[in-house]
Amino acid sequence: MSFARPSASVSSMQVGLHALGIGDGARPEIVRAVAEAAEAHGFARLWSGEHVVLVDAPASRYPYSADGRIAVPVDADWLDPFLTLSFAAAVTTTIGLATGVLLLPEHNPVVVAKQAATLDVLSGGRLTLGIGVGWSAEEFAALGVPFAHRGRRTAEYVAAMRTLWANDVASFDGEFVRFDAIRVNPKPARGRRIPVVVGGNSDAALRRVATLGDGWYGFNLPAAAVAERVTALAAECARQGRSPAEPTVAVALSDGSPDLLSDLAEIGVTELVVVEAPPATPEAATRWVADLADRWITPGR
């Protein structure tokens, strides 16, 4: 039995930009320049990721590189994604905004529900909440959060947040979070719901997408691995009684070129996310975004 997703055309595939919040991309003038230029040149979404803590010599293995090390220097500026995207929202009007990803089990879900809804309202309903379970035991330890069972914690936190978004007076009684008859406002701008996209490339991550996600964000994937992971996601959706076409599929490639856009669309990818670091001046950043759009968006159009 085939579990392949329905194919889409190249022209219908969106292109996102994951460039804000780190290094030069953490400077306000660069955030402004990149956000304004990305909207002007047709990028679908601005993505911004998270680490609260980095350590000089981690024992934990980074899962998105062959050598197990994160490429970001440990002393680089790394902005909070909600605050970064709020800044970007204030200088744009239409481009989507996505955390890519927020390490949800490291946070209080009641606070995250309020922060996410606030940004969604202020941006006019443009937020996608990308979440992940995290990989750094050192980061969890610094924050005083247990590293064990973070997958279960994440699933429960999503359920709790959706309860808070949907109900005027909300109650929840779970393993990790409990509240009774509370009000958390504002509510999200679009039908009291914010799309939740689950990040990660593992089988466990795809199971989380199928059970609780509105979409998947595959990060730093080799182009040759995308089809197998999309097929695996479709199979997980089938096991959960969901249509394989229901979750959105966003991928950031570790290799590849615009020549692959048609192949990605054919296997059901709905958004190609370009992950790049912007240059150091606003003028250069504006030209850089235009060049990226010429390379990645114009061929699809």
C-alpha atoms as a PDB file:
ATOM      1  CA  MET A   1       0.000   0.000   0.000  1.00  0.00           C
ATOM      2  CA  SER A   2       1.295   3.465  -0.859  1.00  0.00           C
ATOM      3  CA  PHE A   3       1.062   6.255   1.686  1.00  0.00           C
ATOM      4  CA  ALA A   4       2.442   9.010  -0.548  1.00  0.00           C
ATOM      5  CA  ARG A   5       0.943  12.461  -0.149  1.00  0.00           C
ATOM      6  CA  PRO A   6      -0.924  14.006  -3.064  1.00  0.00           C
ATOM      7  CA  SER A   7       1.457  16.017  -5.203  1.00  0.00           C
ATOM      8  CA  ALA A   8       1.289  19.771  -5.645  1.00  0.00           C
ATOM      9  CA  SER A   9       2.509  22.046  -8.408  1.00  0.00           C
ATOM     10  CA  VAL A  10       5.716  24.039  -8.087  1.00  0.00           C
ATOM     11  CA  SER A  11       3.758  27.269  -8.379  1.00  0.00           C
ATOM     12  CA  SER A  12       1.667  26.350  -5.314  1.00  0.00           C
ATOM     13  CA  MET A  13       4.670  25.625  -3.102  1.00  0.00           C
ATOM     14  CA  GLN A  14       5.489  28.367  -0.628  1.00  0.00           C
ATOM     15  CA  VAL A  15       9.011  29.474   0.184  1.00  0.00           C
ATOM     16  CA  GLY A  16       9.856  30.559   3.715  1.00  0.00           C
ATOM     17  CA  LEU A  17      12.955  32.238   5.116  1.00  0.00           C
ATOM     18  CA  HIS A  18      14.672  31.116   8.313  1.00  0.00           C
ATOM     19  CA  ALA A  19      17.157  33.926   8.924  1.00  0.00           C
ATOM     20  CA  LEU A  20      16.171  35.942  11.994  1.00  0.00           C
ATOM     21  CA  GLY A  21      17.388  35.962  15.561  1.00  0.00           C
ATOM     22  CA  ILE A  22      21.029  34.785  15.511  1.00  0.00           C
ATOM     23  CA  GLY A  23      24.290  36.711  15.082  1.00  0.00           C
ATOM     24  CA  ASP A  24      23.857  39.572  12.608  1.00  0.00           C
ATOM     25  CA  GLY A  25      20.244  38.414  12.265  1.00  0.00           C
ATOM     26  CA  ALA A  26      19.742  39.395  15.915  1.00  0.00           C
ATOM     27  CA  ARG A  27      20.400  43.093  15.296  1.00  0.00           C
ATOM     28  CA  PRO A  28      17.239  45.232  15.089  1.00  0.00           C
ATOM     29  CA  GLU A  29      18.205  47.010  11.873  1.00  0.00           C
ATOM     30  CA  ILE A  30      18.852  43.642  10.184  1.00  0.00           C
ATOM     31  CA  VAL A  31      15.609  42.120  11.477  1.00  0.00           C
ATOM     32  CA  ARG A  32      13.734  45.103  10.042  1.00  0.00           C
ATOM     33  CA  ALA A  33      15.516  45.009   6.686  1.00  0.00           C
ATOM     34  CA  VAL A  34      15.116  41.251   6.233  1.00  0.00           C
ATOM     35  CA  ALA A  35      11.462  41.253   7.299  1.00  0.00           C
ATOM     36  CA  GLU A  36      10.483  44.137   5.027  1.00  0.00           C
ATOM     37  CA  ALA A  37      12.389  42.741   2.053  1.00  0.00           C
ATOM     38  CA  ALA A  38      11.083  39.193   2.565  1.00  0.00           C
ATOM     39  CA  GLU A  39       7.512  40.450   2.499  1.00  0.00           C
ATOM     40  CA  ALA A  40       8.150  42.618  -0.554  1.00  0.00           C
ATOM     41  CA  HIS A  41       9.741  39.751  -2.499  1.00  0.00           C
ATOM     42  CA  GLY A  42       7.091  37.116  -1.831  1.00  0.00           C
ATOM     43  CA  PHE A  43       8.435  34.909   0.930  1.00  0.00           C
ATOM     44  CA  ALA A  44       5.569  33.131   2.670  1.00  0.00           C
ATOM     45  CA  ARG A  45       6.869  33.060   6.240  1.00  0.00           C
ATOM     46  CA  LEU A  46       9.649  34.299   8.470  1.00  0.00           C
ATOM     47  CA  TRP A  47      10.986  31.588  10.799  1.00  0.00           C
ATOM     48  CA  SER A  48      12.880  32.145  14.037  1.00  0.00           C
ATOM     49  CA  GLY A  49      14.228  29.392  16.289  1.00  0.00           C
ATOM     50  CA  GLU A  50      15.143  29.105  19.940  1.00  0.00           C
ATOM     51  CA  HIS A  51      17.770  28.139  22.409  1.00  0.00           C
ATOM     52  CA  VAL A  52      17.632  29.711  25.835  1.00  0.00           C
ATOM     53  CA  VAL A  53      20.968  28.166  26.818  1.00  0.00           C
ATOM     54  CA  LEU A  54      24.083  26.968  24.988  1.00  0.00           C
ATOM     55  CA  VAL A  55      27.109  25.452  26.705  1.00  0.00           C
ATOM     56  CA  ASP A  56      30.738  25.350  25.638  1.00  0.00           C
ATOM     57  CA  ALA A  57      31.259  21.579  25.787  1.00  0.00           C
ATOM     58  CA  PRO A  58      27.901  19.786  25.658  1.00  0.00           C
ATOM     59  CA  ALA A  59      27.632  16.055  26.169  1.00  0.00           C
ATOM     60  CA  SER A  60      24.308  16.111  24.327  1.00  0.00           C
ATOM     61  CA  ARG A  61      24.474  15.378  20.611  1.00  0.00           C
ATOM     62  CA  TYR A  62      22.916  17.853  18.184  1.00  0.00           C
ATOM     63  CA  PRO A  63      20.623  15.749  15.969  1.00  0.00           C
ATOM     64  CA  TYR A  64      20.704  17.891  12.819  1.00  0.00           C
ATOM     65  CA  SER A  65      24.352  17.582  11.769  1.00  0.00           C
ATOM     66  CA  ALA A  66      26.614  14.676  10.913  1.00  0.00           C
ATOM     67  CA  ASP A  67      29.163  15.554  13.599  1.00  0.00           C
ATOM     68  CA  GLY A  68      26.590  16.099  16.347  1.00  0.00           C
ATOM     69  CA  ARG A  69      27.558  19.744  16.859  1.00  0.00           C
ATOM     70  CA  ILE A  70      25.439  22.832  16.384  1.00  0.00           C
ATOM     71  CA  ALA A  71      26.910  25.292  13.889  1.00  0.00           C
ATOM     72  CA  VAL A  72      25.956  28.397  15.875  1.00  0.00           C
ATOM     73  CA  PRO A  73      28.852  29.767  17.975  1.00  0.00           C
ATOM     74  CA  VAL A  74      28.083  29.450  21.672  1.00  0.00           C
ATOM     75  CA  ASP A  75      28.775  33.154  22.243  1.00  0.00           C
ATOM     76  CA  ALA A  76      26.512  34.388  19.435  1.00  0.00           C
ATOM     77  CA  ASP A  77      23.489  36.511  20.226  1.00  0.00           C
ATOM     78  CA  TRP A  78      20.327  34.383  20.011  1.00  0.00           C
ATOM     79  CA  LEU A  79      17.072  36.296  20.426  1.00  0.00           C
ATOM     80  CA  ASP A  80      13.847  35.019  21.915  1.00  0.00           C
ATOM     81  CA  PRO A  81      11.672  33.976  18.936  1.00  0.00           C
ATOM     82  CA  PHE A  82       8.414  35.504  20.198  1.00  0.00           C
ATOM     83  CA  LEU A  83      10.064  38.884  20.719  1.00  0.00           C
ATOM     84  CA  THR A  84      11.924  38.666  17.408  1.00  0.00           C
ATOM     85  CA  LEU A  85       8.763  37.844  15.490  1.00  0.00           C
ATOM     86  CA  SER A  86       6.848  40.586  17.324  1.00  0.00           C
ATOM     87  CA  PHE A  87       9.440  43.069  16.080  1.00  0.00           C
ATOM     88  CA  ALA A  88       9.124  41.644  12.563  1.00  0.00           C
ATOM     89  CA  ALA A  89       5.329  41.776  12.768  1.00  0.00           C
ATOM     90  CA  ALA A  90       5.459  45.488  13.585  1.00  0.00           C
ATOM     91  CA  VAL A  91       7.290  46.321  10.337  1.00  0.00           C
ATOM     92  CA  THR A  92       5.236  44.039   8.048  1.00  0.00           C
ATOM     93  CA  THR A  93       1.573  43.448   7.283  1.00  0.00           C
ATOM     94  CA  THR A  94       1.084  40.167   5.401  1.00  0.00           C
ATOM     95  CA  ILE A  95       4.016  37.773   5.705  1.00  0.00           C
ATOM     96  CA  GLY A  96       3.533  34.758   7.951  1.00  0.00           C
ATOM     97  CA  LEU A  97       5.488  34.335  11.192  1.00  0.00           C
ATOM     98  CA  ALA A  98       6.677  31.001  12.581  1.00  0.00           C
ATOM     99  CA  THR A  99       8.684  29.828  15.548  1.00  0.00           C
ATOM    100  CA  GLY A 100      11.095  27.303  14.128  1.00  0.00           C
ATOM    101  CA  VAL A 101      11.140  25.868  16.690  1.00  0.00           C
ATOM    102  CA  LEU A 102      10.095  26.842  20.213  1.00  0.00           C
ATOM    103  CA  LEU A 103      11.316  24.226  22.702  1.00  0.00           C
ATOM    104  CA  LEU A 104       7.929  23.817  24.282  1.00  0.00           C
ATOM    105  CA  PRO A 105       8.671  21.509  27.249  1.00  0.00           C
ATOM    106  CA  GLU A 106      11.133  24.090  28.581  1.00  0.00           C
ATOM    107  CA  HIS A 107       8.299  26.590  29.137  1.00  0.00           C
ATOM    108  CA  ASN A 108       5.155  27.029  31.193  1.00  0.00           C
ATOM    109  CA  PRO A 109       2.346  26.193  28.746  1.00  0.00           C
ATOM    110  CA  VAL A 110      -0.075  28.719  30.256  1.00  0.00           C
ATOM    111  CA  VAL A 111       2.450  31.491  29.643  1.00  0.00           C
ATOM    112  CA  VAL A 112       3.216  30.221  26.121  1.00  0.00           C
ATOM    113  CA  ALA A 113      -0.506  30.092  25.308  1.00  0.00           C
ATOM    114  CA  LYS A 114      -0.824  33.756  26.267  1.00  0.00           C
ATOM    115  CA  GLN A 115       2.364  34.822  24.469  1.00  0.00           C
ATOM    116  CA  ALA A 116       1.412  33.009  21.278  1.00  0.00           C
ATOM    117  CA  ALA A 117      -2.137  34.373  21.274  1.00  0.00           C
ATOM    118  CA  THR A 118      -0.819  37.882  21.939  1.00  0.00           C
ATOM    119  CA  LEU A 119       1.535  37.720  18.955  1.00  0.00           C
ATOM    120  CA  ASP A 120      -1.203  36.200  16.794  1.00  0.00           C
ATOM    121  CA  VAL A 121      -3.570  39.050  17.648  1.00  0.00           C
ATOM    122  CA  LEU A 122      -0.961  41.778  17.215  1.00  0.00           C
ATOM    123  CA  SER A 123       0.082  40.362  13.825  1.00  0.00           C
ATOM    124  CA  GLY A 124      -3.466  39.934  12.549  1.00  0.00           C
ATOM    125  CA  GLY A 125      -3.487  36.132  12.722  1.00  0.00           C
ATOM    126  CA  ARG A 126      -0.117  35.468  11.092  1.00  0.00           C
ATOM    127  CA  LEU A 127       1.505  33.146  13.653  1.00  0.00           C
ATOM    128  CA  THR A 128       2.381  29.485  13.210  1.00  0.00           C
ATOM    129  CA  LEU A 129       3.652  27.912  16.425  1.00  0.00           C
ATOM    130  CA  GLY A 130       6.495  25.590  15.534  1.00  0.00           C
ATOM    131  CA  ILE A 131       7.466  23.412  18.486  1.00  0.00           C
ATOM    132  CA  GLY A 132      10.097  20.821  19.338  1.00  0.00           C
ATOM    133  CA  VAL A 133      10.928  18.614  22.291  1.00  0.00           C
ATOM    134  CA  GLY A 134      14.570  19.719  22.581  1.00  0.00           C
ATOM    135  CA  TRP A 135      17.823  17.776  22.504  1.00  0.00           C
ATOM    136  CA  SER A 136      20.140  19.463  25.022  1.00  0.00           C
ATOM    137  CA  ALA A 137      20.057  17.896  28.487  1.00  0.00           C
ATOM    138  CA  GLU A 138      22.307  20.729  29.669  1.00  0.00           C
ATOM    139  CA  GLU A 139      19.722  23.312  28.605  1.00  0.00           C
ATOM    140  CA  PHE A 140      16.914  21.524  30.425  1.00  0.00           C
ATOM    141  CA  ALA A 141      19.070  21.251  33.547  1.00  0.00           C
ATOM    142  CA  ALA A 142      19.846  24.981  33.503  1.00  0.00           C
ATOM    143  CA  LEU A 143      16.128  25.732  33.300  1.00  0.00           C
ATOM    144  CA  GLY A 144      15.203  23.271  36.050  1.00  0.00           C
ATOM    145  CA  VAL A 145      13.032  21.146  33.742  1.00  0.00           C
ATOM    146  CA  PRO A 146      13.315  17.325  33.663  1.00  0.00           C
ATOM    147  CA  PHE A 147      14.834  16.055  30.406  1.00  0.00           C
ATOM    148  CA  ALA A 148      13.074  12.703  30.740  1.00  0.00           C
ATOM    149  CA  HIS A 149       9.556  12.321  29.330  1.00  0.00           C
ATOM    150  CA  ARG A 150       9.831  15.595  27.416  1.00  0.00           C
ATOM    151  CA  GLY A 151       7.856  14.065  24.539  1.00  0.00           C
ATOM    152  CA  ARG A 152       4.881  13.291  26.787  1.00  0.00           C
ATOM    153  CA  ARG A 153       5.222  16.716  28.376  1.00  0.00           C
ATOM    154  CA  THR A 154       5.133  18.368  24.948  1.00  0.00           C
ATOM    155  CA  ALA A 155       1.975  16.533  23.859  1.00  0.00           C
ATOM    156  CA  GLU A 156       0.215  17.463  27.082  1.00  0.00           C
ATOM    157  CA  TYR A 157       1.301  21.088  26.845  1.00  0.00           C
ATOM    158  CA  VAL A 158      -0.167  21.340  23.320  1.00  0.00           C
ATOM    159  CA  ALA A 159      -3.469  19.922  24.566  1.00  0.00           C
ATOM    160  CA  ALA A 160      -3.487  22.361  27.481  1.00  0.00           C
ATOM    161  CA  MET A 161      -2.768  25.357  25.252  1.00  0.00           C
ATOM    162  CA  ARG A 162      -5.497  24.416  22.820  1.00  0.00           C
ATOM    163  CA  THR A 163      -7.882  24.159  25.762  1.00  0.00           C
ATOM    164  CA  LEU A 164      -6.903  27.664  26.879  1.00  0.00           C
ATOM    165  CA  TRP A 165      -7.277  29.100  23.380  1.00  0.00           C
ATOM    166  CA  ALA A 166     -10.675  27.510  22.779  1.00  0.00           C
ATOM    167  CA  ASN A 167     -12.484  28.116  26.062  1.00  0.00           C
ATOM    168  CA  ASP A 168     -13.438  31.292  27.896  1.00  0.00           C
ATOM    169  CA  VAL A 169     -13.142  29.450  31.211  1.00  0.00           C
ATOM    170  CA  ALA A 170     -10.643  26.599  30.953  1.00  0.00           C
ATOM    171  CA  SER A 171      -9.769  23.608  33.102  1.00  0.00           C
ATOM    172  CA  PHE A 172      -7.160  20.900  32.554  1.00  0.00           C
ATOM    173  CA  ASP A 173      -5.961  17.984  34.675  1.00  0.00           C
ATOM    174  CA  GLY A 174      -2.904  16.203  33.308  1.00  0.00           C
ATOM    175  CA  GLU A 175       0.321  14.578  34.375  1.00  0.00           C
ATOM    176  CA  PHE A 176       2.422  17.726  34.000  1.00  0.00           C
ATOM    177  CA  VAL A 177      -0.029  20.655  34.032  1.00  0.00           C
ATOM    178  CA  ARG A 178      -3.217  21.382  35.922  1.00  0.00           C
ATOM    179  CA  PHE A 179      -5.460  24.407  36.125  1.00  0.00           C
ATOM    180  CA  ASP A 180      -9.073  24.901  37.094  1.00  0.00           C
ATOM    181  CA  ALA A 181     -11.616  27.434  35.834  1.00  0.00           C
ATOM    182  CA  ILE A 182      -9.120  30.046  34.634  1.00  0.00           C
ATOM    183  CA  ARG A 183      -9.381  32.756  32.011  1.00  0.00           C
ATOM    184  CA  VAL A 184      -6.439  33.426  29.685  1.00  0.00           C
ATOM    185  CA  ASN A 185      -6.940  36.174  27.125  1.00  0.00           C
ATOM    186  CA  PRO A 186      -6.556  37.234  24.372  1.00  0.00           C
ATOM    187  CA  LYS A 187      -7.782  34.399  22.195  1.00  0.00           C
ATOM    188  CA  PRO A 188      -6.069  33.698  18.850  1.00  0.00           C
ATOM    189  CA  ALA A 189      -7.296  35.756  15.923  1.00  0.00           C
ATOM    190  CA  ARG A 190      -8.365  32.823  13.706  1.00  0.00           C
ATOM    191  CA  GLY A 191     -11.155  30.797  15.254  1.00  0.00           C
ATOM    192  CA  ARG A 192      -9.435  30.483  18.636  1.00  0.00           C
ATOM    193  CA  ARG A 193      -6.724  28.278  17.196  1.00  0.00           C
ATOM    194  CA  ILE A 194      -3.077  28.672  16.203  1.00  0.00           C
ATOM    195  CA  PRO A 195      -1.529  26.136  13.806  1.00  0.00           C
ATOM    196  CA  VAL A 196       0.975  23.946  15.658  1.00  0.00           C
ATOM    197  CA  VAL A 197       3.827  22.616  13.529  1.00  0.00           C
ATOM    198  CA  VAL A 198       6.063  19.913  15.009  1.00  0.00           C
ATOM    199  CA  GLY A 199       9.764  20.005  14.240  1.00  0.00           C
ATOM    200  CA  GLY A 200      12.168  17.091  14.090  1.00  0.00           C
ATOM    201  CA  ASN A 201      13.267  14.431  11.631  1.00  0.00           C
ATOM    202  CA  SER A 202      13.037  11.260  13.720  1.00  0.00           C
ATOM    203  CA  ASP A 203      10.318   8.611  13.687  1.00  0.00           C
ATOM    204  CA  ALA A 204       9.193   9.863  17.099  1.00  0.00           C
ATOM    205  CA  ALA A 205       8.846  13.394  15.730  1.00  0.00           C
ATOM    206  CA  LEU A 206       6.722  12.150  12.825  1.00  0.00           C
ATOM    207  CA  ARG A 207       4.483  10.274  15.266  1.00  0.00           C
ATOM    208  CA  ARG A 208       3.996  13.535  17.157  1.00  0.00           C
ATOM    209  CA  VAL A 209       3.057  15.288  13.917  1.00  0.00           C
ATOM    210  CA  ALA A 210       0.483  12.608  13.152  1.00  0.00           C
ATOM    211  CA  THR A 211      -1.032  12.628  16.635  1.00  0.00           C
ATOM    212  CA  LEU A 212      -1.068  16.326  17.511  1.00  0.00           C
ATOM    213  CA  GLY A 213       0.387  18.494  14.746  1.00  0.00           C
ATOM    214  CA  ASP A 214      -1.144  20.705  12.099  1.00  0.00           C
ATOM    215  CA  GLY A 215       2.094  20.335  10.175  1.00  0.00           C
ATOM    216  CA  TRP A 216       5.697  19.167  10.141  1.00  0.00           C
ATOM    217  CA  TYR A 217       8.955  21.106   9.931  1.00  0.00           C
ATOM    218  CA  GLY A 218      11.820  18.894   8.785  1.00  0.00           C
ATOM    219  CA  PHE A 219      15.088  20.672   9.488  1.00  0.00           C
ATOM    220  CA  ASN A 220      18.466  20.397   7.732  1.00  0.00           C
ATOM    221  CA  LEU A 221      17.378  17.322   5.805  1.00  0.00           C
ATOM    222  CA  PRO A 222      19.420  15.980   2.884  1.00  0.00           C
ATOM    223  CA  ALA A 223      17.326  16.357  -0.246  1.00  0.00           C
ATOM    224  CA  ALA A 224      17.613  12.631  -0.892  1.00  0.00           C
ATOM    225  CA  ALA A 225      15.960  11.877   2.465  1.00  0.00           C
ATOM    226  CA  VAL A 226      12.844  14.021   2.067  1.00  0.00           C
ATOM    227  CA  ALA A 227      10.720  11.535   0.095  1.00  0.00           C
ATOM    228  CA  GLU A 228      11.291   8.745   2.623  1.00  0.00           C
ATOM    229  CA  ARG A 229      10.415  11.009   5.563  1.00  0.00           C
ATOM    230  CA  VAL A 230       7.265  12.321   3.830  1.00  0.00           C
ATOM    231  CA  THR A 231       6.186   8.742   3.111  1.00  0.00           C
ATOM    232  CA  ALA A 232       6.858   7.791   6.738  1.00  0.00           C
ATOM    233  CA  LEU A 233       4.748  10.737   7.905  1.00  0.00           C
ATOM    234  CA  ALA A 234       1.906   9.694   5.618  1.00  0.00           C
ATOM    235  CA  ALA A 235       2.046   6.178   7.078  1.00  0.00           C
ATOM    236  CA  GLU A 236       1.909   7.568  10.621  1.00  0.00           C
ATOM    237  CA  CYS A 237      -1.105   9.693   9.659  1.00  0.00           C
ATOM    238  CA  ALA A 238      -2.845   6.633   8.239  1.00  0.00           C
ATOM    239  CA  ARG A 239      -2.266   4.790  11.524  1.00  0.00           C
ATOM    240  CA  GLN A 240      -3.921   7.696  13.330  1.00  0.00           C
ATOM    241  CA  GLY A 241      -6.870   7.761  10.940  1.00  0.00           C
ATOM    242  CA  ARG A 242      -5.800  11.078   9.412  1.00  0.00           C
ATOM    243  CA  SER A 243      -5.551  11.941   5.742  1.00  0.00           C
ATOM    244  CA  PRO A 244      -1.890  12.087   4.652  1.00  0.00           C
ATOM    245  CA  ALA A 245      -2.697  15.412   3.003  1.00  0.00           C
ATOM    246  CA  GLU A 246      -3.890  17.002   6.249  1.00  0.00           C
ATOM    247  CA  PRO A 247      -0.579  18.118   7.848  1.00  0.00           C
ATOM    248  CA  THR A 248       1.389  20.770   6.038  1.00  0.00           C
ATOM    249  CA  VAL A 249       4.961  19.808   5.169  1.00  0.00           C
ATOM    250  CA  ALA A 250       7.761  22.353   5.456  1.00  0.00           C
ATOM    251  CA  VAL A 251      11.366  21.298   4.937  1.00  0.00           C
ATOM    252  CA  ALA A 252      14.723  23.010   5.188  1.00  0.00           C
ATOM    253  CA  LEU A 253      17.391  21.257   3.142  1.00  0.00           C
ATOM    254  CA  SER A 254      21.016  20.690   4.052  1.00  0.00           C
ATOM    255  CA  ASP A 255      21.804  20.586   0.337  1.00  0.00           C
ATOM    256  CA  GLY A 256      20.002  21.018  -2.951  1.00  0.00           C
ATOM    257  CA  SER A 257      19.061  23.769  -5.350  1.00  0.00           C
ATOM    258  CA  PRO A 258      15.973  25.364  -6.905  1.00  0.00           C
ATOM    259  CA  ASP A 259      16.083  22.605  -9.526  1.00  0.00           C
ATOM    260  CA  LEU A 260      14.597  20.339  -6.838  1.00  0.00           C
ATOM    261  CA  LEU A 261      11.447  22.414  -6.333  1.00  0.00           C
ATOM    262  CA  SER A 262       9.385  20.368  -8.770  1.00  0.00           C
ATOM    263  CA  ASP A 263      10.500  17.114  -7.142  1.00  0.00           C
ATOM    264  CA  LEU A 264       9.649  18.418  -3.674  1.00  0.00           C
ATOM    265  CA  ALA A 265       6.235  19.571  -4.844  1.00  0.00           C
ATOM    266  CA  GLU A 266       5.612  16.187  -6.446  1.00  0.00           C
ATOM    267  CA  ILE A 267       6.121  14.350  -3.143  1.00  0.00           C
ATOM    268  CA  GLY A 268       3.854  16.747  -1.257  1.00  0.00           C
ATOM    269  CA  VAL A 269       6.128  19.380   0.284  1.00  0.00           C
ATOM    270  CA  THR A 270       4.080  22.533   0.829  1.00  0.00           C
ATOM    271  CA  GLU A 271       6.870  24.896   1.908  1.00  0.00           C
ATOM    272  CA  LEU A 272      10.582  24.981   1.224  1.00  0.00           C
ATOM    273  CA  VAL A 273      12.343  26.915   4.000  1.00  0.00           C
ATOM    274  CA  VAL A 274      15.562  28.642   3.030  1.00  0.00           C
ATOM    275  CA  VAL A 275      17.953  28.715   6.006  1.00  0.00           C
ATOM    276  CA  GLU A 276      20.640  31.365   5.605  1.00  0.00           C
ATOM    277  CA  ALA A 277      22.477  33.959   7.714  1.00  0.00           C
ATOM    278  CA  PRO A 278      21.988  37.573   6.614  1.00  0.00           C
ATOM    279  CA  PRO A 279      24.827  40.018   5.942  1.00  0.00           C
ATOM    280  CA  ALA A 280      25.846  42.692   8.415  1.00  0.00           C
ATOM    281  CA  THR A 281      24.316  45.876   6.975  1.00  0.00           C
ATOM    282  CA  PRO A 282      20.678  46.703   6.220  1.00  0.00           C
ATOM    283  CA  GLU A 283      21.467  47.643   2.623  1.00  0.00           C
ATOM    284  CA  ALA A 284      23.290  44.387   2.013  1.00  0.00           C
ATOM    285  CA  ALA A 285      20.547  42.423   3.777  1.00  0.00           C
ATOM    286  CA  THR A 286      17.900  43.948   1.511  1.00  0.00           C
ATOM    287  CA  ARG A 287      19.857  43.010  -1.620  1.00  0.00           C
ATOM    288  CA  TRP A 288      20.558  39.550  -0.164  1.00  0.00           C
ATOM    289  CA  VAL A 289      16.843  38.839   0.322  1.00  0.00           C
ATOM    290  CA  ALA A 290      16.136  39.965  -3.241  1.00  0.00           C
ATOM    291  CA  ASP A 291      18.832  37.621  -4.532  1.00  0.00           C
ATOM    292  CA  LEU A 292      17.390  34.714  -2.516  1.00  0.00           C
ATOM    293  CA  ALA A 293      13.953  35.433  -3.941  1.00  0.00           C
ATOM    294  CA  ASP A 294      15.345  35.462  -7.479  1.00  0.00           C
ATOM    295  CA  ARG A 295      16.967  32.106  -6.832  1.00  0.00           C
ATOM    296  CA  TRP A 296      14.236  30.259  -4.922  1.00  0.00           C
ATOM    297  CA  ILE A 297      10.882  31.950  -5.624  1.00  0.00           C
ATOM    298  CA  THR A 298      11.106  33.130  -9.245  1.00  0.00           C
ATOM    299  CA  PRO A 299      11.691  29.605 -10.666  1.00  0.00           C
ATOM    300  CA  GLY A 300       8.499  28.375  -8.994  1.00  0.00           C
ATOM    301  CA  ARG A 301       6.509  31.262 -10.328  1.00  0.00           C
END
